[in-house]
Amino acid sequence: MTYDLDQRITHVYESDGLRREHHWNADYLVERYIDEAGSVWCYEWDENQQLTKTVAPDGAMHQYVYDLCGNLVEEINPLGGVSKTVWLEQQALPRDFIDPQDGV
């Protein structure tokens, strides 16, 4: 394993010679991951260090939306379907989960 602190890249070498790369931002959150096959995964984070988007090597994108308390309230899948979570007002407990296919 090697670290390039200036470029913010970690290289992980496997015993079979394959390599993975982790590219991270100033907050030490992974922004790009390159697997052994060379496929690239991308990650976006908001100012609260919450994951807001993932992009798979094939371009499939998931998006994530949070409320003011930092609770995940929506997940948008690559087909545009939206899963929603409704949280209890006074507690960090989910009250309802709404799936894009099955409803509540």
N, C-alpha and C. Protein backbone atom coordinates (compact mmCIF):
# COMPACT_ATOMS: atom_id res chain seq x y z
N MET A 1 0.86 -1.16 0.00
CA MET A 1 0.00 0.00 0.00
C MET A 1 0.91 1.23 0.00
N THR A 2 0.55 2.19 -0.84
CA THR A 2 1.29 3.45 -0.86
C THR A 2 0.31 4.61 -0.77
N TYR A 3 0.81 5.71 -0.22
CA TYR A 3 0.02 6.93 -0.09
C TYR A 3 0.74 8.06 -0.80
N ASP A 4 0.01 8.82 -1.57
CA ASP A 4 0.53 10.06 -2.14
C ASP A 4 -0.29 11.18 -1.50
N LEU A 5 0.26 11.75 -0.44
CA LEU A 5 -0.49 12.75 0.32
C LEU A 5 -0.73 14.02 -0.46
N ASP A 6 0.21 14.38 -1.34
CA ASP A 6 0.03 15.59 -2.15
C ASP A 6 -1.11 15.44 -3.15
N GLN A 7 -1.20 14.28 -3.78
CA GLN A 7 -2.25 14.02 -4.76
C GLN A 7 -3.50 13.41 -4.14
N ARG A 8 -3.41 13.03 -2.86
CA ARG A 8 -4.51 12.40 -2.12
C ARG A 8 -4.96 11.10 -2.78
N ILE A 9 -4.00 10.22 -3.01
CA ILE A 9 -4.29 8.92 -3.64
C ILE A 9 -3.68 7.82 -2.77
N THR A 10 -4.46 6.78 -2.55
CA THR A 10 -3.96 5.58 -1.91
C THR A 10 -3.96 4.47 -2.95
N HIS A 11 -2.82 3.79 -3.09
CA HIS A 11 -2.73 2.63 -3.98
C HIS A 11 -2.67 1.38 -3.11
N VAL A 12 -3.52 0.42 -3.40
CA VAL A 12 -3.53 -0.85 -2.69
C VAL A 12 -3.12 -1.92 -3.68
N TYR A 13 -2.05 -2.63 -3.35
CA TYR A 13 -1.52 -3.68 -4.22
C TYR A 13 -1.85 -5.03 -3.63
N GLU A 14 -2.41 -5.90 -4.45
CA GLU A 14 -2.74 -7.26 -4.03
C GLU A 14 -1.56 -8.18 -4.34
N SER A 15 -1.56 -9.35 -3.73
CA SER A 15 -0.46 -10.30 -3.93
C SER A 15 -0.38 -10.80 -5.37
N ASP A 16 -1.48 -10.74 -6.09
CA ASP A 16 -1.48 -11.19 -7.49
C ASP A 16 -1.08 -10.06 -8.45
N GLY A 17 -0.68 -8.91 -7.91
CA GLY A 17 -0.21 -7.80 -8.74
C GLY A 17 -1.28 -6.80 -9.12
N LEU A 18 -2.53 -7.09 -8.82
CA LEU A 18 -3.60 -6.16 -9.16
C LEU A 18 -3.56 -4.96 -8.21
N ARG A 19 -4.05 -3.83 -8.69
CA ARG A 19 -3.99 -2.59 -7.91
C ARG A 19 -5.35 -1.91 -7.88
N ARG A 20 -5.67 -1.32 -6.73
CA ARG A 20 -6.85 -0.47 -6.57
C ARG A 20 -6.36 0.92 -6.18
N GLU A 21 -7.14 1.93 -6.55
CA GLU A 21 -6.80 3.30 -6.18
C GLU A 21 -7.99 3.95 -5.49
N HIS A 22 -7.68 4.70 -4.45
CA HIS A 22 -8.67 5.51 -3.74
C HIS A 22 -8.21 6.96 -3.84
N HIS A 23 -9.01 7.82 -4.42
CA HIS A 23 -8.72 9.26 -4.52
C HIS A 23 -9.63 9.96 -3.54
N TRP A 24 -9.06 10.77 -2.66
CA TRP A 24 -9.87 11.38 -1.61
C TRP A 24 -9.71 12.88 -1.60
N ASN A 25 -10.69 13.54 -0.99
CA ASN A 25 -10.72 15.00 -0.96
C ASN A 25 -10.04 15.52 0.31
N ALA A 26 -10.11 16.82 0.52
CA ALA A 26 -9.46 17.44 1.68
C ALA A 26 -10.06 16.98 3.01
N ASP A 27 -11.28 16.45 2.98
CA ASP A 27 -11.93 15.94 4.18
C ASP A 27 -11.70 14.43 4.36
N TYR A 28 -10.82 13.86 3.54
CA TYR A 28 -10.48 12.42 3.59
C TYR A 28 -11.65 11.52 3.21
N LEU A 29 -12.53 12.02 2.37
CA LEU A 29 -13.65 11.23 1.85
C LEU A 29 -13.31 10.79 0.43
N VAL A 30 -13.58 9.54 0.13
CA VAL A 30 -13.24 9.01 -1.20
C VAL A 30 -14.13 9.66 -2.25
N GLU A 31 -13.50 10.25 -3.26
CA GLU A 31 -14.23 10.87 -4.37
C GLU A 31 -14.20 9.99 -5.61
N ARG A 32 -13.16 9.17 -5.71
CA ARG A 32 -13.05 8.29 -6.87
C ARG A 32 -12.36 7.01 -6.42
N TYR A 33 -12.89 5.89 -6.90
CA TYR A 33 -12.32 4.58 -6.61
C TYR A 33 -12.13 3.87 -7.94
N ILE A 34 -10.94 3.35 -8.15
CA ILE A 34 -10.64 2.60 -9.37
C ILE A 34 -10.33 1.17 -8.94
N ASP A 35 -11.14 0.22 -9.41
CA ASP A 35 -10.96 -1.16 -8.99
C ASP A 35 -9.88 -1.86 -9.82
N GLU A 36 -9.69 -3.13 -9.53
CA GLU A 36 -8.64 -3.91 -10.18
C GLU A 36 -8.80 -4.00 -11.69
N ALA A 37 -10.03 -3.90 -12.17
CA ALA A 37 -10.30 -3.99 -13.62
C ALA A 37 -10.16 -2.63 -14.30
N GLY A 38 -9.91 -1.58 -13.53
CA GLY A 38 -9.82 -0.24 -14.10
C GLY A 38 -11.14 0.49 -14.15
N SER A 39 -12.18 -0.11 -13.59
CA SER A 39 -13.49 0.54 -13.55
C SER A 39 -13.48 1.65 -12.52
N VAL A 40 -14.12 2.77 -12.86
CA VAL A 40 -14.09 3.95 -12.01
C VAL A 40 -15.46 4.18 -11.37
N TRP A 41 -15.45 4.34 -10.05
CA TRP A 41 -16.63 4.69 -9.27
C TRP A 41 -16.41 6.10 -8.74
N CYS A 42 -17.42 6.96 -8.79
CA CYS A 42 -17.29 8.34 -8.32
C CYS A 42 -18.29 8.61 -7.20
N TYR A 43 -17.87 9.47 -6.27
CA TYR A 43 -18.67 9.80 -5.10
C TYR A 43 -18.66 11.31 -4.90
N GLU A 44 -19.81 11.89 -4.57
CA GLU A 44 -19.90 13.31 -4.27
C GLU A 44 -20.45 13.49 -2.87
N TRP A 45 -19.93 14.50 -2.17
CA TRP A 45 -20.27 14.76 -0.78
C TRP A 45 -20.70 16.20 -0.63
N ASP A 46 -21.58 16.47 0.33
CA ASP A 46 -21.98 17.86 0.58
C ASP A 46 -21.09 18.48 1.67
N GLU A 47 -21.40 19.72 2.03
CA GLU A 47 -20.59 20.44 3.01
C GLU A 47 -20.67 19.82 4.41
N ASN A 48 -21.63 18.94 4.64
CA ASN A 48 -21.77 18.23 5.92
C ASN A 48 -21.15 16.84 5.87
N GLN A 49 -20.39 16.57 4.82
CA GLN A 49 -19.73 15.28 4.60
C GLN A 49 -20.73 14.14 4.46
N GLN A 50 -21.87 14.44 3.88
CA GLN A 50 -22.88 13.42 3.60
C GLN A 50 -22.81 13.05 2.13
N LEU A 51 -22.89 11.78 1.85
CA LEU A 51 -22.85 11.29 0.48
C LEU A 51 -24.08 11.78 -0.27
N THR A 52 -23.88 12.45 -1.41
CA THR A 52 -25.01 12.97 -2.18
C THR A 52 -25.18 12.28 -3.53
N LYS A 53 -24.10 11.67 -4.03
CA LYS A 53 -24.22 11.02 -5.34
C LYS A 53 -23.15 9.94 -5.48
N THR A 54 -23.54 8.82 -6.10
CA THR A 54 -22.58 7.80 -6.52
C THR A 54 -22.81 7.55 -8.00
N VAL A 55 -21.72 7.37 -8.71
CA VAL A 55 -21.80 7.05 -10.13
C VAL A 55 -20.98 5.79 -10.37
N ALA A 56 -21.63 4.75 -10.87
CA ALA A 56 -20.99 3.47 -11.14
C ALA A 56 -20.24 3.54 -12.47
N PRO A 57 -19.38 2.58 -12.73
CA PRO A 57 -18.62 2.57 -13.98
C PRO A 57 -19.49 2.62 -15.24
N ASP A 58 -20.69 2.08 -15.17
CA ASP A 58 -21.58 2.08 -16.34
C ASP A 58 -22.39 3.37 -16.45
N GLY A 59 -22.14 4.32 -15.55
CA GLY A 59 -22.86 5.60 -15.58
C GLY A 59 -24.10 5.63 -14.71
N ALA A 60 -24.48 4.48 -14.15
CA ALA A 60 -25.66 4.44 -13.28
C ALA A 60 -25.42 5.32 -12.06
N MET A 61 -26.39 6.17 -11.77
CA MET A 61 -26.22 7.16 -10.71
C MET A 61 -27.29 7.00 -9.63
N HIS A 62 -26.85 7.04 -8.38
CA HIS A 62 -27.74 7.13 -7.23
C HIS A 62 -27.54 8.51 -6.62
N GLN A 63 -28.64 9.13 -6.19
CA GLN A 63 -28.56 10.43 -5.52
C GLN A 63 -29.22 10.31 -4.15
N TYR A 64 -28.72 11.10 -3.20
CA TYR A 64 -29.17 11.03 -1.82
C TYR A 64 -29.51 12.43 -1.33
N VAL A 65 -30.66 12.56 -0.63
CA VAL A 65 -31.12 13.85 -0.11
C VAL A 65 -31.33 13.70 1.40
N TYR A 66 -30.91 14.72 2.14
CA TYR A 66 -30.97 14.70 3.60
C TYR A 66 -31.82 15.85 4.12
N ASP A 67 -32.39 15.67 5.30
CA ASP A 67 -33.11 16.78 5.93
C ASP A 67 -32.11 17.62 6.74
N LEU A 68 -32.61 18.65 7.41
CA LEU A 68 -31.74 19.55 8.17
C LEU A 68 -31.05 18.87 9.35
N CYS A 69 -31.61 17.75 9.81
CA CYS A 69 -31.00 17.00 10.91
C CYS A 69 -29.96 16.00 10.42
N GLY A 70 -29.81 15.89 9.11
CA GLY A 70 -28.84 14.96 8.55
C GLY A 70 -29.39 13.57 8.29
N ASN A 71 -30.69 13.41 8.41
CA ASN A 71 -31.32 12.11 8.13
C ASN A 71 -31.52 11.94 6.62
N LEU A 72 -31.23 10.76 6.13
CA LEU A 72 -31.47 10.45 4.73
C LEU A 72 -32.98 10.40 4.50
N VAL A 73 -33.50 11.25 3.60
CA VAL A 73 -34.94 11.30 3.37
C VAL A 73 -35.33 10.81 1.98
N GLU A 74 -34.40 10.85 1.02
CA GLU A 74 -34.69 10.35 -0.32
C GLU A 74 -33.46 9.70 -0.93
N GLU A 75 -33.71 8.61 -1.64
CA GLU A 75 -32.69 7.99 -2.46
C GLU A 75 -33.28 7.83 -3.86
N ILE A 76 -32.60 8.40 -4.83
CA ILE A 76 -33.07 8.33 -6.22
C ILE A 76 -32.19 7.32 -6.94
N ASN A 77 -32.83 6.26 -7.47
CA ASN A 77 -32.06 5.21 -8.12
C ASN A 77 -31.78 5.56 -9.58
N PRO A 78 -30.96 4.76 -10.27
CA PRO A 78 -30.61 5.07 -11.66
C PRO A 78 -31.79 5.14 -12.62
N LEU A 79 -32.90 4.52 -12.28
CA LEU A 79 -34.08 4.55 -13.15
C LEU A 79 -35.01 5.71 -12.82
N GLY A 80 -34.64 6.52 -11.82
CA GLY A 80 -35.46 7.66 -11.43
C GLY A 80 -36.45 7.37 -10.32
N GLY A 81 -36.49 6.12 -9.86
CA GLY A 81 -37.37 5.78 -8.74
C GLY A 81 -36.88 6.42 -7.46
N VAL A 82 -37.81 6.85 -6.63
CA VAL A 82 -37.45 7.55 -5.40
C VAL A 82 -37.93 6.74 -4.19
N SER A 83 -36.98 6.37 -3.33
CA SER A 83 -37.31 5.78 -2.03
C SER A 83 -37.28 6.91 -1.02
N LYS A 84 -38.29 6.95 -0.15
CA LYS A 84 -38.37 8.03 0.85
C LYS A 84 -38.44 7.43 2.24
N THR A 85 -37.81 8.13 3.17
CA THR A 85 -37.90 7.76 4.58
C THR A 85 -38.46 8.96 5.33
N VAL A 86 -39.50 8.72 6.13
CA VAL A 86 -40.09 9.76 6.97
C VAL A 86 -39.62 9.48 8.39
N TRP A 87 -39.07 10.50 9.04
CA TRP A 87 -38.49 10.35 10.37
C TRP A 87 -39.41 10.93 11.43
N LEU A 88 -39.39 10.35 12.63
CA LEU A 88 -40.11 10.91 13.77
C LEU A 88 -39.51 12.27 14.09
N GLU A 89 -40.34 13.23 14.42
CA GLU A 89 -39.87 14.60 14.64
C GLU A 89 -38.93 14.73 15.82
N GLN A 90 -39.21 14.07 16.92
CA GLN A 90 -38.44 14.26 18.15
C GLN A 90 -37.32 13.23 18.33
N GLN A 91 -37.25 12.25 17.46
CA GLN A 91 -36.24 11.20 17.62
C GLN A 91 -35.65 10.85 16.26
N ALA A 92 -34.44 10.37 16.30
CA ALA A 92 -33.78 9.97 15.06
C ALA A 92 -34.16 8.52 14.72
N LEU A 93 -35.47 8.32 14.59
CA LEU A 93 -35.99 6.99 14.24
C LEU A 93 -36.89 7.12 13.02
N PRO A 94 -36.74 6.20 12.07
CA PRO A 94 -37.62 6.27 10.90
C PRO A 94 -39.04 5.87 11.26
N ARG A 95 -40.00 6.60 10.70
CA ARG A 95 -41.41 6.32 10.93
C ARG A 95 -41.99 5.51 9.78
N ASP A 96 -41.67 5.90 8.55
CA ASP A 96 -42.17 5.22 7.35
C ASP A 96 -41.06 5.14 6.32
N PHE A 97 -41.13 4.09 5.52
CA PHE A 97 -40.25 3.95 4.38
C PHE A 97 -41.13 3.72 3.16
N ILE A 98 -40.96 4.54 2.15
CA ILE A 98 -41.77 4.43 0.94
C ILE A 98 -40.86 4.00 -0.20
N ASP A 99 -41.13 2.81 -0.70
CA ASP A 99 -40.34 2.24 -1.79
C ASP A 99 -40.95 2.65 -3.12
N PRO A 100 -40.15 2.93 -4.15
CA PRO A 100 -40.72 3.38 -5.42
C PRO A 100 -41.60 2.34 -6.10
N GLN A 101 -41.45 1.06 -5.76
CA GLN A 101 -42.25 0.02 -6.41
C GLN A 101 -43.39 -0.48 -5.53
N ASP A 102 -43.13 -0.60 -4.24
CA ASP A 102 -44.09 -1.25 -3.36
C ASP A 102 -44.93 -0.31 -2.52
N GLY A 103 -44.63 0.96 -2.53
CA GLY A 103 -45.35 1.88 -1.66
C GLY A 103 -44.83 1.79 -0.24
N VAL A 104 -45.68 2.08 0.73
CA VAL A 104 -45.27 2.11 2.14
C VAL A 104 -45.01 0.71 2.64
